Amino acid sequence: MLTALDFILGKPLEIVIAGSAQAPQVQAFLRTIHDRYLPNKVLAVVDNRAGDGALTLFPGAAGKGTLEGRPAVYVCRDRTCWLPITDPGELSAQLKGHQPAWTVS
């Protein structure tokens, strides 16, 4: 219940992965995200080729796409995004700074 309250009162981390869900790079991004305890996150995988149906469900994905044909991850908070990431190692480093201070690494 405290996690739900924290989600409601805080500003969730919004993570958008642009690319096909079956792509190995996207799967690596998902493993990197799920390996961390990030209770206040909203995660969306958007395939640019699938149309804009996901944008209806999650408007935060608007304007976010692949970079030079490669899957990309956009990490945002309160509608402000950091630079897009195309490497799981970079994503891991960026997410480390967003874990709750009370978690054990």
Protein backbone atom coordinates (compact mmCIF):
# COMPACT_ATOMS: atom_id res chain seq x y z
CA MET A 1 0.00 0.00 0.00
CA LEU A 2 2.90 2.34 0.68
CA THR A 3 4.25 1.74 -2.83
CA ALA A 4 0.84 2.66 -4.30
CA LEU A 5 0.73 5.81 -2.18
CA ASP A 6 4.27 6.70 -3.25
CA PHE A 7 3.24 6.26 -6.91
CA ILE A 8 0.22 8.53 -6.47
CA LEU A 9 2.08 11.26 -4.58
CA GLY A 10 5.35 11.10 -6.52
CA LYS A 11 6.25 11.65 -10.12
CA PRO A 12 6.67 8.31 -11.88
CA LEU A 13 9.59 7.53 -14.12
CA GLU A 14 8.27 7.25 -17.68
CA ILE A 15 10.24 4.85 -19.88
CA VAL A 16 9.46 4.48 -23.57
CA ILE A 17 11.23 1.87 -25.67
CA ALA A 18 10.90 2.53 -29.40
CA GLY A 19 11.29 -0.60 -31.51
CA SER A 20 9.84 -4.03 -32.15
CA ALA A 21 9.17 -5.94 -28.92
CA GLN A 22 10.76 -9.05 -30.46
CA ALA A 23 14.04 -7.31 -31.38
CA PRO A 24 17.04 -8.56 -29.34
CA GLN A 25 18.04 -4.98 -28.46
CA VAL A 26 14.54 -4.26 -27.08
CA GLN A 27 14.65 -7.49 -25.07
CA ALA A 28 18.02 -6.39 -23.63
CA PHE A 29 16.50 -3.03 -22.65
CA LEU A 30 13.58 -4.78 -20.96
CA ARG A 31 15.94 -7.07 -18.99
CA THR A 32 17.94 -4.02 -17.87
CA ILE A 33 14.77 -2.26 -16.70
CA HIS A 34 13.29 -5.31 -14.96
CA ASP A 35 16.58 -6.10 -13.19
CA ARG A 36 16.16 -2.89 -11.17
CA TYR A 37 13.67 -2.07 -8.46
CA LEU A 38 11.83 0.89 -9.94
CA PRO A 39 8.43 0.93 -8.26
CA ASN A 40 7.36 4.30 -9.70
CA LYS A 41 7.65 3.62 -13.40
CA VAL A 42 5.41 3.58 -16.40
CA LEU A 43 6.85 1.43 -19.18
CA ALA A 44 5.75 1.39 -22.82
CA VAL A 45 7.18 -0.42 -25.82
CA VAL A 46 6.17 1.36 -29.03
CA ASP A 47 6.74 -0.17 -32.45
CA ASN A 48 6.84 2.67 -34.99
CA ARG A 49 5.57 0.31 -37.68
CA ALA A 50 2.46 -0.65 -35.69
CA GLY A 51 0.70 2.69 -36.11
CA ASP A 52 -0.19 5.07 -33.30
CA GLY A 53 -2.47 2.83 -31.22
CA ALA A 54 0.01 2.90 -28.32
CA LEU A 55 0.00 6.68 -28.41
CA THR A 56 -3.69 6.64 -27.56
CA LEU A 57 -2.97 4.55 -24.46
CA PHE A 58 0.19 6.42 -23.46
CA PRO A 59 0.50 9.93 -24.92
CA GLY A 60 3.99 10.18 -23.38
CA ALA A 61 5.23 8.04 -26.26
CA ALA A 62 4.37 10.67 -28.86
CA GLY A 63 7.37 11.78 -30.88
CA LYS A 64 9.63 9.03 -29.61
CA GLY A 65 11.00 6.67 -32.22
CA THR A 66 13.99 4.62 -33.22
CA LEU A 67 17.32 6.33 -33.90
CA GLU A 68 18.92 5.58 -37.25
CA GLY A 69 16.84 2.41 -37.43
CA ARG A 70 18.00 1.15 -34.01
CA PRO A 71 15.75 0.72 -30.97
CA ALA A 72 16.00 3.60 -28.50
CA VAL A 73 14.94 4.18 -24.90
CA TYR A 74 13.59 7.47 -23.61
CA VAL A 75 13.65 8.00 -19.84
CA CYS A 76 11.45 10.85 -18.66
CA ARG A 77 10.07 12.31 -15.45
CA ASP A 78 7.31 14.89 -15.29
CA ARG A 79 7.32 15.18 -19.12
CA THR A 80 11.02 16.05 -19.23
CA CYS A 81 13.19 13.49 -21.02
CA TRP A 82 16.89 12.80 -20.95
CA LEU A 83 18.73 12.08 -24.19
CA PRO A 84 17.63 8.87 -25.93
CA ILE A 85 19.70 5.76 -25.23
CA THR A 86 20.65 3.04 -27.72
CA ASP A 87 22.88 0.92 -25.46
CA PRO A 88 21.70 -1.27 -22.54
CA GLY A 89 24.85 -0.37 -20.56
CA GLU A 90 24.05 3.33 -20.78
CA LEU A 91 20.47 2.60 -19.76
CA SER A 92 21.69 0.67 -16.72
CA ALA A 93 23.86 3.60 -15.63
CA GLN A 94 21.03 6.09 -16.09
CA LEU A 95 18.50 3.98 -14.20
CA LYS A 96 20.89 3.51 -11.28
CA GLY A 97 20.37 7.16 -10.43
CA HIS A 98 16.59 6.69 -10.30
CA GLN A 99 16.37 3.80 -7.85
CA PRO A 100 14.89 4.62 -4.46
CA ALA A 101 17.56 5.60 -1.95
CA TRP A 102 16.37 2.94 0.49
CA THR A 103 16.97 -0.05 -1.82
CA VAL A 104 19.86 -2.42 -1.42
CA SER A 105 21.99 -2.91 -4.56
